[in-house]
């Protein structure tokens, strides 16, 4: 599948003060098939193919983990806040129900 993957993670560009909240934005190309839709041409059910988990790590610890189902829309955008304690990477991992995995990171700047 050509239109899959290409994860993006964005953190604020300007340096944050210690303790300030940082908005982290993520996006990934993925079909997010529920397994309930039928192909219009063949009438056959399209197999389920969706992201099951998205995990974020910061400062050596897992700070967020979400479990998804096929009910999440195609090419999902997801954002969350974290408390900026120190400069460093925010690592995000997406895993789907077919065993595929994608990783991307953004650097968080803290003064």
C-alpha atoms as a PDB file:
ATOM      1  CA  UNK A   1       0.000   0.000   0.000  1.00  0.00           C
ATOM      2  CA  UNK A   2       1.599   3.247  -1.141  1.00  0.00           C
ATOM      3  CA  UNK A   3      -0.494   5.606   0.966  1.00  0.00           C
ATOM      4  CA  UNK A   4       0.570   4.369   4.373  1.00  0.00           C
ATOM      5  CA  UNK A   5       3.078   5.573   6.941  1.00  0.00           C
ATOM      6  CA  UNK A   6       4.859   8.913   6.616  1.00  0.00           C
ATOM      7  CA  UNK A   7       4.329   9.832  10.284  1.00  0.00           C
ATOM      8  CA  UNK A   8       4.740  13.423  11.424  1.00  0.00           C
ATOM      9  CA  UNK A   9       5.234  14.774  14.938  1.00  0.00           C
ATOM     10  CA  UNK A  10       5.378  18.472  15.787  1.00  0.00           C
ATOM     11  CA  UNK A  11       6.370  20.180  19.007  1.00  0.00           C
ATOM     12  CA  UNK A  12       6.357  23.944  19.609  1.00  0.00           C
ATOM     13  CA  UNK A  13       9.164  25.638  17.678  1.00  0.00           C
ATOM     14  CA  UNK A  14       9.922  28.279  20.303  1.00  0.00           C
ATOM     15  CA  UNK A  15      11.680  27.246  23.514  1.00  0.00           C
ATOM     16  CA  UNK A  16       9.310  26.707  26.438  1.00  0.00           C
ATOM     17  CA  UNK A  17       9.830  27.592  30.067  1.00  0.00           C
ATOM     18  CA  UNK A  18      10.270  24.652  32.449  1.00  0.00           C
ATOM     19  CA  UNK A  19       6.845  23.463  33.615  1.00  0.00           C
ATOM     20  CA  UNK A  20       4.981  25.013  30.666  1.00  0.00           C
ATOM     21  CA  UNK A  21       2.504  22.856  28.733  1.00  0.00           C
ATOM     22  CA  UNK A  22       3.555  21.788  25.241  1.00  0.00           C
ATOM     23  CA  UNK A  23       1.043  20.864  22.558  1.00  0.00           C
ATOM     24  CA  UNK A  24       2.321  17.863  20.571  1.00  0.00           C
ATOM     25  CA  UNK A  25       0.637  17.206  17.214  1.00  0.00           C
ATOM     26  CA  UNK A  26       0.831  13.921  15.303  1.00  0.00           C
ATOM     27  CA  UNK A  27      -0.372  12.756  11.900  1.00  0.00           C
ATOM     28  CA  UNK A  28       0.039   9.513   9.971  1.00  0.00           C
ATOM     29  CA  UNK A  29      -1.231   8.212   6.627  1.00  0.00           C
ATOM     30  CA  UNK A  30      -3.257   5.061   7.234  1.00  0.00           C
ATOM     31  CA  UNK A  31      -6.458   3.610   5.692  1.00  0.00           C
ATOM     32  CA  UNK A  32      -8.027   2.787   9.082  1.00  0.00           C
ATOM     33  CA  UNK A  33     -10.365   0.116   7.700  1.00  0.00           C
ATOM     34  CA  UNK A  34     -12.867  -1.202  10.234  1.00  0.00           C
ATOM     35  CA  UNK A  35     -13.468  -4.537   8.516  1.00  0.00           C
ATOM     36  CA  UNK A  36     -17.148  -3.668   8.099  1.00  0.00           C
ATOM     37  CA  UNK A  37     -17.063  -1.853   4.742  1.00  0.00           C
ATOM     38  CA  UNK A  38     -17.649  -3.596   1.427  1.00  0.00           C
ATOM     39  CA  UNK A  39     -15.794  -2.986  -1.819  1.00  0.00           C
ATOM     40  CA  UNK A  40     -18.216  -1.191  -4.162  1.00  0.00           C
ATOM     41  CA  UNK A  41     -17.020  -3.132  -7.220  1.00  0.00           C
ATOM     42  CA  UNK A  42     -16.817  -6.681  -5.839  1.00  0.00           C
ATOM     43  CA  UNK A  43     -19.176  -6.573  -2.875  1.00  0.00           C
ATOM     44  CA  UNK A  44     -16.508  -8.298  -0.754  1.00  0.00           C
ATOM     45  CA  UNK A  45     -15.734  -7.114   2.759  1.00  0.00           C
ATOM     46  CA  UNK A  46     -12.573  -5.025   3.019  1.00  0.00           C
ATOM     47  CA  UNK A  47     -10.350  -6.616   5.708  1.00  0.00           C
ATOM     48  CA  UNK A  48      -9.786  -4.705   8.959  1.00  0.00           C
ATOM     49  CA  UNK A  49      -6.571  -2.652   8.910  1.00  0.00           C
ATOM     50  CA  UNK A  50      -6.252   0.001  11.575  1.00  0.00           C
ATOM     51  CA  UNK A  51      -3.829   1.483  14.083  1.00  0.00           C
ATOM     52  CA  UNK A  52      -4.287  -0.249  17.438  1.00  0.00           C
ATOM     53  CA  UNK A  53      -1.949   1.797  19.628  1.00  0.00           C
ATOM     54  CA  UNK A  54      -0.166   5.115  19.645  1.00  0.00           C
ATOM     55  CA  UNK A  55       2.456   5.645  22.344  1.00  0.00           C
ATOM     56  CA  UNK A  56       4.521   8.704  23.293  1.00  0.00           C
ATOM     57  CA  UNK A  57       7.744   8.709  25.299  1.00  0.00           C
ATOM     58  CA  UNK A  58       9.479  11.736  26.806  1.00  0.00           C
ATOM     59  CA  UNK A  59      12.310  11.954  29.291  1.00  0.00           C
ATOM     60  CA  UNK A  60      12.822   8.177  29.268  1.00  0.00           C
ATOM     61  CA  UNK A  61       9.225   7.363  30.267  1.00  0.00           C
ATOM     62  CA  UNK A  62       5.984   6.511  28.506  1.00  0.00           C
ATOM     63  CA  UNK A  63       3.793   9.574  28.992  1.00  0.00           C
ATOM     64  CA  UNK A  64       0.801   8.614  26.862  1.00  0.00           C
ATOM     65  CA  UNK A  65      -0.698   5.476  25.344  1.00  0.00           C
ATOM     66  CA  UNK A  66      -3.948   5.358  23.380  1.00  0.00           C
ATOM     67  CA  UNK A  67      -5.767   2.267  22.140  1.00  0.00           C
ATOM     68  CA  UNK A  68      -7.719   2.739  18.934  1.00  0.00           C
ATOM     69  CA  UNK A  69     -10.196   0.720  16.871  1.00  0.00           C
ATOM     70  CA  UNK A  70     -11.312   0.797  13.257  1.00  0.00           C
ATOM     71  CA  UNK A  71     -13.767   3.554  14.218  1.00  0.00           C
ATOM     72  CA  UNK A  72     -10.981   6.167  13.960  1.00  0.00           C
ATOM     73  CA  UNK A  73     -10.975   8.018  10.627  1.00  0.00           C
ATOM     74  CA  UNK A  74      -8.510   7.591   7.774  1.00  0.00           C
ATOM     75  CA  UNK A  75      -5.156   9.433   8.143  1.00  0.00           C
ATOM     76  CA  UNK A  76      -5.644  10.123  11.856  1.00  0.00           C
ATOM     77  CA  UNK A  77      -4.507  13.366  13.466  1.00  0.00           C
ATOM     78  CA  UNK A  78      -3.889  13.165  17.209  1.00  0.00           C
ATOM     79  CA  UNK A  79      -2.667  15.809  19.633  1.00  0.00           C
ATOM     80  CA  UNK A  80      -1.887  15.867  23.345  1.00  0.00           C
ATOM     81  CA  UNK A  81      -0.282  18.101  25.964  1.00  0.00           C
ATOM     82  CA  UNK A  82       2.736  17.337  28.091  1.00  0.00           C
ATOM     83  CA  UNK A  83       4.493  19.245  30.851  1.00  0.00           C
ATOM     84  CA  UNK A  84       7.846  20.429  29.492  1.00  0.00           C
ATOM     85  CA  UNK A  85      10.412  19.567  32.182  1.00  0.00           C
ATOM     86  CA  UNK A  86      13.544  19.336  30.052  1.00  0.00           C
ATOM     87  CA  UNK A  87      14.745  19.613  26.476  1.00  0.00           C
ATOM     88  CA  UNK A  88      14.769  16.401  24.494  1.00  0.00           C
ATOM     89  CA  UNK A  89      12.896  14.252  22.024  1.00  0.00           C
ATOM     90  CA  UNK A  90       9.245  13.283  22.158  1.00  0.00           C
ATOM     91  CA  UNK A  91       9.163   9.825  20.536  1.00  0.00           C
ATOM     92  CA  UNK A  92       5.868   8.609  19.075  1.00  0.00           C
ATOM     93  CA  UNK A  93       5.137   5.041  17.925  1.00  0.00           C
ATOM     94  CA  UNK A  94       2.112   3.838  15.970  1.00  0.00           C
ATOM     95  CA  UNK A  95       1.320   0.079  15.714  1.00  0.00           C
ATOM     96  CA  UNK A  96      -1.422  -1.437  13.591  1.00  0.00           C
ATOM     97  CA  UNK A  97      -3.366  -4.689  13.709  1.00  0.00           C
ATOM     98  CA  UNK A  98      -1.203  -6.192  10.931  1.00  0.00           C
ATOM     99  CA  UNK A  99       2.002  -5.820  12.936  1.00  0.00           C
ATOM    100  CA  UNK A 100       3.304  -2.747  11.135  1.00  0.00           C
ATOM    101  CA  UNK A 101       5.041  -0.088  13.212  1.00  0.00           C
ATOM    102  CA  UNK A 102       6.100   3.497  12.549  1.00  0.00           C
ATOM    103  CA  UNK A 103       8.216   5.811  14.687  1.00  0.00           C
ATOM    104  CA  UNK A 104       8.829   9.523  14.551  1.00  0.00           C
ATOM    105  CA  UNK A 105      10.062  12.167  16.975  1.00  0.00           C
ATOM    106  CA  UNK A 106      10.096  15.900  17.573  1.00  0.00           C
ATOM    107  CA  UNK A 107      12.606  17.852  19.649  1.00  0.00           C
ATOM    108  CA  UNK A 108      11.221  19.786  22.580  1.00  0.00           C
ATOM    109  CA  UNK A 109      13.165  22.929  23.496  1.00  0.00           C
ATOM    110  CA  UNK A 110      13.075  24.001  27.142  1.00  0.00           C
ATOM    111  CA  UNK A 111      14.886  26.978  28.702  1.00  0.00           C
END
